[in-house]
């Protein structure tokens, strides 16, 4: 059956509203129906510590961080921004436990992947962590421990959940291509070797799967909203699914998607859901995806395992738009299930 979920971010600053909307919109299942995967929304409008990097940095073990003018930095002792980050997450998890009390089914949480985190965090002297191999190793180990603990915490709060971990890696292509700028802005950092990048991802994936969860092993999806996502590397890292902005893919990218699907890795397809009034038909929303599958020789039946998502987060939309996008995706996932069933 086709599925539907969101990427993570929502507009606004009150976690209760998007949590309840996600529950109401995505908790459904019926014979032959699609199914939804609700998730813990992120609200970056709340400020430092609610953003992807700050929120994930707050999960690190024995690597305190603080917010500097240049961004989040590794420090000797956590500052007030780190304390605020921890408080925001505790509050969100309390609301999650209340909203999903008694829930049984899939539940997704999102964290920055190790290479996006290494690209954005700074060491004490101000450069990106990614330029220091030793700091990268420490960061990856700390993130692995933090992710494992985070998953176990969520599982205790919602014991009926089958957890899904989304690793956000928007900076991974730039890390691999050596496109990250130095602090001066006049140069770029050396590219990270793909094998080193793979090992870092593997460490996080294996840590997630080693978490003691009552709902069984966690599913791991890697989200990379780039025109040329490194799909062979993500497959080799052991991802169960890849989340892509399919509106950015060209012919070569779709060939790599086909190889990924044929290797048993599921596709989370970010599709465009226009705000036009009147709204486009469900058929027109799915047409580019169906055409791309046909062009690379994938049958309609392969759409059965596709999860539909927005192309990226929804923090820049209004609450009404975010809700409408989820509603359209639910309709599209149900239609996709019917198409895949022939």
C-alpha atoms as a PDB file:
ATOM      1  CA  UNK A   1       0.000   0.000   0.000  1.00  0.00           C
ATOM      2  CA  UNK A   2       1.149   3.521  -0.740  1.00  0.00           C
ATOM      3  CA  UNK A   3       1.827   5.749   2.217  1.00  0.00           C
ATOM      4  CA  UNK A   4       1.935   9.446   3.053  1.00  0.00           C
ATOM      5  CA  UNK A   5       3.948  11.483   5.534  1.00  0.00           C
ATOM      6  CA  UNK A   6       5.459  14.943   5.938  1.00  0.00           C
ATOM      7  CA  UNK A   7       9.086  16.024   5.851  1.00  0.00           C
ATOM      8  CA  UNK A   8       9.036  17.675   9.264  1.00  0.00           C
ATOM      9  CA  UNK A   9       8.760  21.438   9.589  1.00  0.00           C
ATOM     10  CA  UNK A  10       5.503  23.332  10.112  1.00  0.00           C
ATOM     11  CA  UNK A  11       4.650  27.019  10.441  1.00  0.00           C
ATOM     12  CA  UNK A  12       3.748  28.567  13.778  1.00  0.00           C
ATOM     13  CA  UNK A  13       5.017  28.304  17.323  1.00  0.00           C
ATOM     14  CA  UNK A  14       2.443  26.162  19.174  1.00  0.00           C
ATOM     15  CA  UNK A  15       3.318  22.463  18.922  1.00  0.00           C
ATOM     16  CA  UNK A  16      -0.140  21.285  19.989  1.00  0.00           C
ATOM     17  CA  UNK A  17      -1.907  22.429  16.821  1.00  0.00           C
ATOM     18  CA  UNK A  18       0.316  20.692  14.209  1.00  0.00           C
ATOM     19  CA  UNK A  19       0.614  17.579  16.393  1.00  0.00           C
ATOM     20  CA  UNK A  20      -3.142  17.170  16.493  1.00  0.00           C
ATOM     21  CA  UNK A  21      -3.498  17.955  12.800  1.00  0.00           C
ATOM     22  CA  UNK A  22      -0.842  15.379  11.913  1.00  0.00           C
ATOM     23  CA  UNK A  23      -2.612  12.821  14.106  1.00  0.00           C
ATOM     24  CA  UNK A  24      -6.025  13.583  12.623  1.00  0.00           C
ATOM     25  CA  UNK A  25      -4.824  13.654   9.017  1.00  0.00           C
ATOM     26  CA  UNK A  26      -2.372  10.767   8.957  1.00  0.00           C
ATOM     27  CA  UNK A  27      -3.683   8.166  11.409  1.00  0.00           C
ATOM     28  CA  UNK A  28      -5.841   6.031   9.145  1.00  0.00           C
ATOM     29  CA  UNK A  29      -5.823   2.546   7.707  1.00  0.00           C
ATOM     30  CA  UNK A  30      -8.298   0.286   5.991  1.00  0.00           C
ATOM     31  CA  UNK A  31      -8.398  -2.834   3.830  1.00  0.00           C
ATOM     32  CA  UNK A  32      -6.732  -2.037   0.540  1.00  0.00           C
ATOM     33  CA  UNK A  33      -6.290   1.579   1.618  1.00  0.00           C
ATOM     34  CA  UNK A  34      -3.162   3.685   1.768  1.00  0.00           C
ATOM     35  CA  UNK A  35      -1.748   4.408   5.201  1.00  0.00           C
ATOM     36  CA  UNK A  36      -0.262   7.397   6.918  1.00  0.00           C
ATOM     37  CA  UNK A  37       2.886   7.872   8.957  1.00  0.00           C
ATOM     38  CA  UNK A  38       2.372  10.675  11.508  1.00  0.00           C
ATOM     39  CA  UNK A  39       5.413  12.487  12.836  1.00  0.00           C
ATOM     40  CA  UNK A  40       6.699  14.924  15.429  1.00  0.00           C
ATOM     41  CA  UNK A  41       6.623  18.345  13.695  1.00  0.00           C
ATOM     42  CA  UNK A  42       9.438  20.862  13.924  1.00  0.00           C
ATOM     43  CA  UNK A  43       8.605  24.539  14.431  1.00  0.00           C
ATOM     44  CA  UNK A  44      11.665  26.612  13.458  1.00  0.00           C
ATOM     45  CA  UNK A  45       9.703  29.862  13.890  1.00  0.00           C
ATOM     46  CA  UNK A  46      10.199  29.449  17.643  1.00  0.00           C
ATOM     47  CA  UNK A  47      13.823  30.446  17.169  1.00  0.00           C
ATOM     48  CA  UNK A  48      17.196  28.974  18.169  1.00  0.00           C
ATOM     49  CA  UNK A  49      16.919  25.383  19.301  1.00  0.00           C
ATOM     50  CA  UNK A  50      13.793  24.750  17.254  1.00  0.00           C
ATOM     51  CA  UNK A  51      15.731  24.720  13.979  1.00  0.00           C
ATOM     52  CA  UNK A  52      17.006  21.451  12.504  1.00  0.00           C
ATOM     53  CA  UNK A  53      20.652  22.010  13.449  1.00  0.00           C
ATOM     54  CA  UNK A  54      20.052  23.345  16.944  1.00  0.00           C
ATOM     55  CA  UNK A  55      17.492  20.665  17.747  1.00  0.00           C
ATOM     56  CA  UNK A  56      19.825  17.864  16.632  1.00  0.00           C
ATOM     57  CA  UNK A  57      22.835  19.435  18.330  1.00  0.00           C
ATOM     58  CA  UNK A  58      20.827  19.259  21.543  1.00  0.00           C
ATOM     59  CA  UNK A  59      20.795  15.465  21.223  1.00  0.00           C
ATOM     60  CA  UNK A  60      24.598  15.165  21.239  1.00  0.00           C
ATOM     61  CA  UNK A  61      26.129  13.390  24.219  1.00  0.00           C
ATOM     62  CA  UNK A  62      29.249  14.823  25.898  1.00  0.00           C
ATOM     63  CA  UNK A  63      29.598  17.470  23.174  1.00  0.00           C
ATOM     64  CA  UNK A  64      27.991  20.668  24.490  1.00  0.00           C
ATOM     65  CA  UNK A  65      27.016  23.417  22.068  1.00  0.00           C
ATOM     66  CA  UNK A  66      26.143  27.083  22.202  1.00  0.00           C
ATOM     67  CA  UNK A  67      24.861  29.583  19.664  1.00  0.00           C
ATOM     68  CA  UNK A  68      27.421  32.093  18.391  1.00  0.00           C
ATOM     69  CA  UNK A  69      27.067  34.820  15.719  1.00  0.00           C
ATOM     70  CA  UNK A  70      28.491  32.340  13.191  1.00  0.00           C
ATOM     71  CA  UNK A  71      25.996  29.630  14.196  1.00  0.00           C
ATOM     72  CA  UNK A  72      26.016  26.656  16.561  1.00  0.00           C
ATOM     73  CA  UNK A  73      29.464  25.855  17.939  1.00  0.00           C
ATOM     74  CA  UNK A  74      31.004  23.076  20.004  1.00  0.00           C
ATOM     75  CA  UNK A  75      32.038  24.497  23.402  1.00  0.00           C
ATOM     76  CA  UNK A  76      33.377  23.297  26.750  1.00  0.00           C
ATOM     77  CA  UNK A  77      30.172  24.004  28.656  1.00  0.00           C
ATOM     78  CA  UNK A  78      26.593  24.335  27.388  1.00  0.00           C
ATOM     79  CA  UNK A  79      25.218  27.870  27.249  1.00  0.00           C
ATOM     80  CA  UNK A  80      21.724  29.200  27.725  1.00  0.00           C
ATOM     81  CA  UNK A  81      20.738  28.414  24.123  1.00  0.00           C
ATOM     82  CA  UNK A  82      21.494  24.734  24.697  1.00  0.00           C
ATOM     83  CA  UNK A  83      19.382  24.816  27.849  1.00  0.00           C
ATOM     84  CA  UNK A  84      16.531  26.387  25.883  1.00  0.00           C
ATOM     85  CA  UNK A  85      16.892  23.743  23.164  1.00  0.00           C
ATOM     86  CA  UNK A  86      16.571  20.936  25.705  1.00  0.00           C
ATOM     87  CA  UNK A  87      13.506  22.571  27.254  1.00  0.00           C
ATOM     88  CA  UNK A  88      11.803  22.916  23.865  1.00  0.00           C
ATOM     89  CA  UNK A  89      12.368  19.253  23.057  1.00  0.00           C
ATOM     90  CA  UNK A  90      11.124  18.105  26.480  1.00  0.00           C
ATOM     91  CA  UNK A  91       7.967  20.136  26.009  1.00  0.00           C
ATOM     92  CA  UNK A  92       7.409  18.740  22.523  1.00  0.00           C
ATOM     93  CA  UNK A  93       7.847  15.169  23.738  1.00  0.00           C
ATOM     94  CA  UNK A  94       5.369  15.762  26.570  1.00  0.00           C
ATOM     95  CA  UNK A  95       2.827  16.989  24.029  1.00  0.00           C
ATOM     96  CA  UNK A  96       3.602  14.023  21.768  1.00  0.00           C
ATOM     97  CA  UNK A  97       2.930  11.592  24.608  1.00  0.00           C
ATOM     98  CA  UNK A  98      -0.407  13.244  25.375  1.00  0.00           C
ATOM     99  CA  UNK A  99      -1.559  13.552  21.771  1.00  0.00           C
ATOM    100  CA  UNK A 100      -0.599   9.977  20.849  1.00  0.00           C
ATOM    101  CA  UNK A 101      -1.665   8.318  24.082  1.00  0.00           C
ATOM    102  CA  UNK A 102      -2.708   4.748  23.225  1.00  0.00           C
ATOM    103  CA  UNK A 103      -1.596   5.070  19.621  1.00  0.00           C
ATOM    104  CA  UNK A 104      -0.391   1.962  17.768  1.00  0.00           C
ATOM    105  CA  UNK A 105       1.310   2.377  14.405  1.00  0.00           C
ATOM    106  CA  UNK A 106       4.190   4.105  12.634  1.00  0.00           C
ATOM    107  CA  UNK A 107       5.561   7.331  14.095  1.00  0.00           C
ATOM    108  CA  UNK A 108       8.404   9.374  12.601  1.00  0.00           C
ATOM    109  CA  UNK A 109      11.016  11.638  14.153  1.00  0.00           C
ATOM    110  CA  UNK A 110      13.571  13.716  12.249  1.00  0.00           C
ATOM    111  CA  UNK A 111      17.195  14.615  13.015  1.00  0.00           C
ATOM    112  CA  UNK A 112      20.006  16.122  10.967  1.00  0.00           C
ATOM    113  CA  UNK A 113      22.323  13.511   9.517  1.00  0.00           C
ATOM    114  CA  UNK A 114      25.998  13.444  10.531  1.00  0.00           C
ATOM    115  CA  UNK A 115      27.325  15.259   7.455  1.00  0.00           C
ATOM    116  CA  UNK A 116      24.793  18.061   7.430  1.00  0.00           C
ATOM    117  CA  UNK A 117      25.457  18.496  11.149  1.00  0.00           C
ATOM    118  CA  UNK A 118      29.238  18.496  10.566  1.00  0.00           C
ATOM    119  CA  UNK A 119      28.782  21.026   7.763  1.00  0.00           C
ATOM    120  CA  UNK A 120      26.818  23.442   9.945  1.00  0.00           C
ATOM    121  CA  UNK A 121      28.370  23.085  13.415  1.00  0.00           C
ATOM    122  CA  UNK A 122      31.609  24.934  14.151  1.00  0.00           C
ATOM    123  CA  UNK A 123      34.637  23.983  16.221  1.00  0.00           C
ATOM    124  CA  UNK A 124      36.053  26.378  18.819  1.00  0.00           C
ATOM    125  CA  UNK A 125      38.210  28.255  16.300  1.00  0.00           C
ATOM    126  CA  UNK A 126      35.200  28.945  14.100  1.00  0.00           C
ATOM    127  CA  UNK A 127      35.639  26.585  11.162  1.00  0.00           C
ATOM    128  CA  UNK A 128      33.148  23.895  10.209  1.00  0.00           C
ATOM    129  CA  UNK A 129      33.463  20.572  12.003  1.00  0.00           C
ATOM    130  CA  UNK A 130      33.624  18.833   8.623  1.00  0.00           C
ATOM    131  CA  UNK A 131      37.200  20.074   8.029  1.00  0.00           C
ATOM    132  CA  UNK A 132      38.525  18.281  11.143  1.00  0.00           C
ATOM    133  CA  UNK A 133      38.519  14.457  10.759  1.00  0.00           C
ATOM    134  CA  UNK A 134      38.913  13.910  14.494  1.00  0.00           C
ATOM    135  CA  UNK A 135      36.052  16.270  15.298  1.00  0.00           C
ATOM    136  CA  UNK A 136      33.920  14.521  12.670  1.00  0.00           C
ATOM    137  CA  UNK A 137      34.528  11.158  14.302  1.00  0.00           C
ATOM    138  CA  UNK A 138      33.663  12.534  17.745  1.00  0.00           C
ATOM    139  CA  UNK A 139      30.549  14.217  16.388  1.00  0.00           C
ATOM    140  CA  UNK A 140      29.340  11.063  14.644  1.00  0.00           C
ATOM    141  CA  UNK A 141      29.832   8.951  17.770  1.00  0.00           C
ATOM    142  CA  UNK A 142      28.071  11.536  19.921  1.00  0.00           C
ATOM    143  CA  UNK A 143      25.183  11.771  17.454  1.00  0.00           C
ATOM    144  CA  UNK A 144      24.875   7.979  17.317  1.00  0.00           C
ATOM    145  CA  UNK A 145      24.553   7.832  21.108  1.00  0.00           C
ATOM    146  CA  UNK A 146      22.119  10.735  21.134  1.00  0.00           C
ATOM    147  CA  UNK A 147      19.919   9.278  18.402  1.00  0.00           C
ATOM    148  CA  UNK A 148      19.737   5.921  20.179  1.00  0.00           C
ATOM    149  CA  UNK A 149      18.733   7.604  23.442  1.00  0.00           C
ATOM    150  CA  UNK A 150      16.197   9.846  21.667  1.00  0.00           C
ATOM    151  CA  UNK A 151      14.497   6.884  19.993  1.00  0.00           C
ATOM    152  CA  UNK A 152      14.308   4.990  23.259  1.00  0.00           C
ATOM    153  CA  UNK A 153      12.791   8.039  24.962  1.00  0.00           C
ATOM    154  CA  UNK A 154      10.128   8.413  22.275  1.00  0.00           C
ATOM    155  CA  UNK A 155       9.384   4.685  22.500  1.00  0.00           C
ATOM    156  CA  UNK A 156       8.801   4.931  26.257  1.00  0.00           C
ATOM    157  CA  UNK A 157       6.404   7.823  25.754  1.00  0.00           C
ATOM    158  CA  UNK A 158       4.466   6.160  22.894  1.00  0.00           C
ATOM    159  CA  UNK A 159       5.041   2.425  23.507  1.00  0.00           C
ATOM    160  CA  UNK A 160       2.701   1.319  20.719  1.00  0.00           C
ATOM    161  CA  UNK A 161       4.668   3.180  18.059  1.00  0.00           C
ATOM    162  CA  UNK A 162       6.750   1.579  15.327  1.00  0.00           C
ATOM    163  CA  UNK A 163       9.413   4.232  15.071  1.00  0.00           C
ATOM    164  CA  UNK A 164      10.729   5.682  11.836  1.00  0.00           C
ATOM    165  CA  UNK A 165      13.892   7.798  11.850  1.00  0.00           C
ATOM    166  CA  UNK A 166      14.414  10.397   9.136  1.00  0.00           C
ATOM    167  CA  UNK A 167      17.999  11.577   8.708  1.00  0.00           C
ATOM    168  CA  UNK A 168      18.007  14.978   7.005  1.00  0.00           C
ATOM    169  CA  UNK A 169      21.064  15.380   4.776  1.00  0.00           C
ATOM    170  CA  UNK A 170      20.521  18.477   2.614  1.00  0.00           C
ATOM    171  CA  UNK A 171      24.230  19.384   2.817  1.00  0.00           C
ATOM    172  CA  UNK A 172      25.584  15.935   1.896  1.00  0.00           C
ATOM    173  CA  UNK A 173      26.002  16.652  -1.851  1.00  0.00           C
ATOM    174  CA  UNK A 174      27.986  19.829  -1.063  1.00  0.00           C
ATOM    175  CA  UNK A 175      30.143  17.908   1.434  1.00  0.00           C
ATOM    176  CA  UNK A 176      30.945  15.260  -1.191  1.00  0.00           C
ATOM    177  CA  UNK A 177      31.608  17.795  -3.956  1.00  0.00           C
ATOM    178  CA  UNK A 178      33.768  20.183  -1.906  1.00  0.00           C
ATOM    179  CA  UNK A 179      31.328  23.083  -2.303  1.00  0.00           C
ATOM    180  CA  UNK A 180      31.170  24.237   1.340  1.00  0.00           C
ATOM    181  CA  UNK A 181      32.584  27.720   1.783  1.00  0.00           C
ATOM    182  CA  UNK A 182      35.310  28.513   4.292  1.00  0.00           C
ATOM    183  CA  UNK A 183      34.616  31.022   7.053  1.00  0.00           C
ATOM    184  CA  UNK A 184      36.277  33.764   5.026  1.00  0.00           C
ATOM    185  CA  UNK A 185      33.965  33.100   2.105  1.00  0.00           C
ATOM    186  CA  UNK A 186      36.902  33.171  -0.328  1.00  0.00           C
ATOM    187  CA  UNK A 187      37.444  29.440  -0.655  1.00  0.00           C
ATOM    188  CA  UNK A 188      35.841  26.044  -0.288  1.00  0.00           C
ATOM    189  CA  UNK A 189      36.651  23.088   1.918  1.00  0.00           C
ATOM    190  CA  UNK A 190      38.106  19.870   0.581  1.00  0.00           C
ATOM    191  CA  UNK A 191      35.587  17.223  -0.442  1.00  0.00           C
ATOM    192  CA  UNK A 192      34.933  14.357   1.968  1.00  0.00           C
ATOM    193  CA  UNK A 193      35.758  10.919   0.580  1.00  0.00           C
ATOM    194  CA  UNK A 194      32.536   9.009  -0.238  1.00  0.00           C
ATOM    195  CA  UNK A 195      33.694   5.976   1.744  1.00  0.00           C
ATOM    196  CA  UNK A 196      34.262   8.157   4.820  1.00  0.00           C
ATOM    197  CA  UNK A 197      30.812   9.648   4.315  1.00  0.00           C
ATOM    198  CA  UNK A 198      29.280   6.180   3.974  1.00  0.00           C
ATOM    199  CA  UNK A 199      30.884   4.979   7.203  1.00  0.00           C
ATOM    200  CA  UNK A 200      29.553   7.989   9.074  1.00  0.00           C
ATOM    201  CA  UNK A 201      26.019   7.317   7.888  1.00  0.00           C
ATOM    202  CA  UNK A 202      26.347   3.607   8.667  1.00  0.00           C
ATOM    203  CA  UNK A 203      27.292   4.429  12.251  1.00  0.00           C
ATOM    204  CA  UNK A 204      24.070   6.406  12.747  1.00  0.00           C
ATOM    205  CA  UNK A 205      21.914   3.808  10.973  1.00  0.00           C
ATOM    206  CA  UNK A 206      23.352   0.986  13.077  1.00  0.00           C
ATOM    207  CA  UNK A 207      22.968   2.995  16.286  1.00  0.00           C
ATOM    208  CA  UNK A 208      19.294   3.581  15.481  1.00  0.00           C
ATOM    209  CA  UNK A 209      18.749  -0.114  14.849  1.00  0.00           C
ATOM    210  CA  UNK A 210      20.463  -1.018  18.112  1.00  0.00           C
ATOM    211  CA  UNK A 211      17.954   1.009  20.141  1.00  0.00           C
ATOM    212  CA  UNK A 212      15.840  -1.070  22.509  1.00  0.00           C
ATOM    213  CA  UNK A 213      12.348  -0.443  21.147  1.00  0.00           C
ATOM    214  CA  UNK A 214       9.164  -2.340  22.078  1.00  0.00           C
ATOM    215  CA  UNK A 215       7.802  -1.818  18.568  1.00  0.00           C
ATOM    216  CA  UNK A 216      10.731  -3.590  16.891  1.00  0.00           C
ATOM    217  CA  UNK A 217      13.576  -2.303  14.745  1.00  0.00           C
ATOM    218  CA  UNK A 218      13.406   1.279  13.578  1.00  0.00           C
ATOM    219  CA  UNK A 219      13.030   2.066   9.876  1.00  0.00           C
ATOM    220  CA  UNK A 220      15.609   4.598   8.647  1.00  0.00           C
ATOM    221  CA  UNK A 221      14.964   7.013   5.789  1.00  0.00           C
ATOM    222  CA  UNK A 222      17.514   9.532   4.515  1.00  0.00           C
ATOM    223  CA  UNK A 223      16.101  12.789   3.179  1.00  0.00           C
ATOM    224  CA  UNK A 224      18.169  14.684   0.602  1.00  0.00           C
ATOM    225  CA  UNK A 225      16.323  17.416  -1.309  1.00  0.00           C
ATOM    226  CA  UNK A 226      19.020  18.048  -3.931  1.00  0.00           C
ATOM    227  CA  UNK A 227      18.938  17.816  -7.748  1.00  0.00           C
ATOM    228  CA  UNK A 228      21.571  15.036  -7.700  1.00  0.00           C
ATOM    229  CA  UNK A 229      21.208  13.060  -4.462  1.00  0.00           C
ATOM    230  CA  UNK A 230      24.006  10.489  -3.911  1.00  0.00           C
ATOM    231  CA  UNK A 231      21.715   7.486  -4.077  1.00  0.00           C
ATOM    232  CA  UNK A 232      24.421   4.785  -4.496  1.00  0.00           C
ATOM    233  CA  UNK A 233      26.034   6.017  -1.272  1.00  0.00           C
ATOM    234  CA  UNK A 234      22.694   6.053   0.560  1.00  0.00           C
ATOM    235  CA  UNK A 235      21.953   2.517  -0.593  1.00  0.00           C
ATOM    236  CA  UNK A 236      25.387   1.378   0.572  1.00  0.00           C
ATOM    237  CA  UNK A 237      24.814   3.029   3.946  1.00  0.00           C
ATOM    238  CA  UNK A 238      21.857   0.728   4.584  1.00  0.00           C
ATOM    239  CA  UNK A 239      18.964   3.173   4.319  1.00  0.00           C
ATOM    240  CA  UNK A 240      15.541   1.520   4.224  1.00  0.00           C
ATOM    241  CA  UNK A 241      14.132   4.453   2.268  1.00  0.00           C
ATOM    242  CA  UNK A 242      15.278   7.628   0.521  1.00  0.00           C
ATOM    243  CA  UNK A 243      13.202  10.822   0.646  1.00  0.00           C
ATOM    244  CA  UNK A 244      13.715  12.994  -2.448  1.00  0.00           C
ATOM    245  CA  UNK A 245      12.320  16.125  -4.025  1.00  0.00           C
ATOM    246  CA  UNK A 246      11.278  14.429  -7.247  1.00  0.00           C
ATOM    247  CA  UNK A 247      10.506  17.786  -8.876  1.00  0.00           C
ATOM    248  CA  UNK A 248      14.287  18.384  -9.081  1.00  0.00           C
ATOM    249  CA  UNK A 249      15.265  15.030 -10.625  1.00  0.00           C
ATOM    250  CA  UNK A 250      16.304  14.755 -14.254  1.00  0.00           C
ATOM    251  CA  UNK A 251      16.745  11.656 -16.432  1.00  0.00           C
ATOM    252  CA  UNK A 252      19.998  10.522 -14.810  1.00  0.00           C
ATOM    253  CA  UNK A 253      18.539  11.004 -11.358  1.00  0.00           C
ATOM    254  CA  UNK A 254      15.531   8.869 -12.217  1.00  0.00           C
ATOM    255  CA  UNK A 255      17.793   6.104 -13.525  1.00  0.00           C
ATOM    256  CA  UNK A 256      19.447   6.087 -10.103  1.00  0.00           C
ATOM    257  CA  UNK A 257      16.016   6.031  -8.457  1.00  0.00           C
ATOM    258  CA  UNK A 258      15.122   2.964 -10.529  1.00  0.00           C
ATOM    259  CA  UNK A 259      18.297   1.187  -9.385  1.00  0.00           C
ATOM    260  CA  UNK A 260      17.481   2.147  -5.813  1.00  0.00           C
ATOM    261  CA  UNK A 261      13.917   0.819  -5.982  1.00  0.00           C
ATOM    262  CA  UNK A 262      15.072  -2.388  -7.660  1.00  0.00           C
ATOM    263  CA  UNK A 263      17.592  -2.848  -4.831  1.00  0.00           C
ATOM    264  CA  UNK A 264      14.695  -2.933  -2.358  1.00  0.00           C
ATOM    265  CA  UNK A 265      15.071   0.598  -0.976  1.00  0.00           C
ATOM    266  CA  UNK A 266      11.733   2.388  -0.756  1.00  0.00           C
ATOM    267  CA  UNK A 267      11.126   5.765  -2.368  1.00  0.00           C
ATOM    268  CA  UNK A 268       9.605   8.660  -0.467  1.00  0.00           C
ATOM    269  CA  UNK A 269       8.598  10.865  -3.372  1.00  0.00           C
ATOM    270  CA  UNK A 270       8.284  14.574  -2.705  1.00  0.00           C
ATOM    271  CA  UNK A 271       5.703  15.815  -5.198  1.00  0.00           C
ATOM    272  CA  UNK A 272       4.551  19.348  -5.923  1.00  0.00           C
ATOM    273  CA  UNK A 273       1.156  20.244  -4.449  1.00  0.00           C
ATOM    274  CA  UNK A 274       0.267  23.685  -5.899  1.00  0.00           C
ATOM    275  CA  UNK A 275      -1.733  26.231  -3.942  1.00  0.00           C
ATOM    276  CA  UNK A 276      -3.748  27.033  -7.077  1.00  0.00           C
ATOM    277  CA  UNK A 277      -7.485  27.618  -6.806  1.00  0.00           C
ATOM    278  CA  UNK A 278      -9.150  25.544  -8.065  1.00  0.00           C
ATOM    279  CA  UNK A 279      -6.747  22.854  -6.936  1.00  0.00           C
ATOM    280  CA  UNK A 280      -5.368  20.504  -9.605  1.00  0.00           C
ATOM    281  CA  UNK A 281      -6.832  17.030  -9.845  1.00  0.00           C
ATOM    282  CA  UNK A 282      -5.270  14.088  -8.041  1.00  0.00           C
ATOM    283  CA  UNK A 283      -4.472  12.553 -11.410  1.00  0.00           C
ATOM    284  CA  UNK A 284      -2.474  15.596 -12.470  1.00  0.00           C
ATOM    285  CA  UNK A 285      -0.543  15.565  -9.171  1.00  0.00           C
ATOM    286  CA  UNK A 286       0.514  11.962  -9.791  1.00  0.00           C
ATOM    287  CA  UNK A 287       1.123  12.255 -13.540  1.00  0.00           C
ATOM    288  CA  UNK A 288       4.809  13.360 -13.335  1.00  0.00           C
ATOM    289  CA  UNK A 289       5.624  10.502 -10.948  1.00  0.00           C
ATOM    290  CA  UNK A 290       3.863   7.897 -13.092  1.00  0.00           C
ATOM    291  CA  UNK A 291       5.524   9.221 -16.241  1.00  0.00           C
ATOM    292  CA  UNK A 292       8.975   9.139 -14.628  1.00  0.00           C
ATOM    293  CA  UNK A 293       8.435   5.540 -13.471  1.00  0.00           C
ATOM    294  CA  UNK A 294       7.370   4.520 -16.975  1.00  0.00           C
ATOM    295  CA  UNK A 295      10.359   6.294 -18.576  1.00  0.00           C
ATOM    296  CA  UNK A 296      12.847   4.234 -16.516  1.00  0.00           C
ATOM    297  CA  UNK A 297      10.967   0.956 -16.967  1.00  0.00           C
ATOM    298  CA  UNK A 298       9.351   0.720 -13.529  1.00  0.00           C
ATOM    299  CA  UNK A 299       5.813  -0.706 -13.652  1.00  0.00           C
ATOM    300  CA  UNK A 300       2.794   0.894 -12.020  1.00  0.00           C
ATOM    301  CA  UNK A 301       2.818  -1.949  -9.506  1.00  0.00           C
ATOM    302  CA  UNK A 302       6.086  -0.534  -8.094  1.00  0.00           C
ATOM    303  CA  UNK A 303       4.127   2.542  -6.981  1.00  0.00           C
ATOM    304  CA  UNK A 304       2.591   0.361  -4.263  1.00  0.00           C
ATOM    305  CA  UNK A 305       5.660   0.886  -2.060  1.00  0.00           C
ATOM    306  CA  UNK A 306       6.012   4.644  -2.647  1.00  0.00           C
ATOM    307  CA  UNK A 307       5.450   7.087   0.208  1.00  0.00           C
ATOM    308  CA  UNK A 308       4.237  10.538  -0.863  1.00  0.00           C
ATOM    309  CA  UNK A 309       5.551  13.648   0.873  1.00  0.00           C
ATOM    310  CA  UNK A 310       5.786  17.370   0.194  1.00  0.00           C
ATOM    311  CA  UNK A 311       9.033  18.226  -1.651  1.00  0.00           C
ATOM    312  CA  UNK A 312      10.476  19.735   1.526  1.00  0.00           C
ATOM    313  CA  UNK A 313       9.404  21.189   4.864  1.00  0.00           C
ATOM    314  CA  UNK A 314       6.414  23.507   5.208  1.00  0.00           C
ATOM    315  CA  UNK A 315       7.725  26.150   7.599  1.00  0.00           C
ATOM    316  CA  UNK A 316       7.322  28.840   4.922  1.00  0.00           C
ATOM    317  CA  UNK A 317       3.631  28.053   4.359  1.00  0.00           C
ATOM    318  CA  UNK A 318       0.591  29.142   6.339  1.00  0.00           C
ATOM    319  CA  UNK A 319      -1.035  26.627   8.718  1.00  0.00           C
ATOM    320  CA  UNK A 320      -4.014  26.394   6.357  1.00  0.00           C
ATOM    321  CA  UNK A 321      -1.721  25.638   3.421  1.00  0.00           C
ATOM    322  CA  UNK A 322       0.211  23.000   5.390  1.00  0.00           C
ATOM    323  CA  UNK A 323      -3.035  21.272   6.296  1.00  0.00           C
ATOM    324  CA  UNK A 324      -4.350  21.426   2.719  1.00  0.00           C
ATOM    325  CA  UNK A 325      -1.104  19.946   1.355  1.00  0.00           C
ATOM    326  CA  UNK A 326      -1.399  16.984   3.722  1.00  0.00           C
ATOM    327  CA  UNK A 327      -5.035  16.460   2.748  1.00  0.00           C
ATOM    328  CA  UNK A 328      -4.159  16.440  -0.957  1.00  0.00           C
ATOM    329  CA  UNK A 329      -1.312  13.988  -0.330  1.00  0.00           C
ATOM    330  CA  UNK A 330      -3.650  11.634   1.532  1.00  0.00           C
ATOM    331  CA  UNK A 331      -6.015  11.629  -1.456  1.00  0.00           C
ATOM    332  CA  UNK A 332      -3.076  11.089  -3.812  1.00  0.00           C
ATOM    333  CA  UNK A 333      -1.727   8.165  -1.770  1.00  0.00           C
ATOM    334  CA  UNK A 334      -5.117   6.453  -1.882  1.00  0.00           C
ATOM    335  CA  UNK A 335      -5.265   6.973  -5.646  1.00  0.00           C
ATOM    336  CA  UNK A 336      -1.723   5.637  -5.986  1.00  0.00           C
ATOM    337  CA  UNK A 337      -2.723   2.460  -4.151  1.00  0.00           C
ATOM    338  CA  UNK A 338      -5.572   1.930  -6.604  1.00  0.00           C
ATOM    339  CA  UNK A 339      -3.272   2.547  -9.596  1.00  0.00           C
ATOM    340  CA  UNK A 340      -0.656   0.114  -8.280  1.00  0.00           C
ATOM    341  CA  UNK A 341      -3.321  -2.523  -7.733  1.00  0.00           C
ATOM    342  CA  UNK A 342      -4.153  -2.420 -11.421  1.00  0.00           C
END
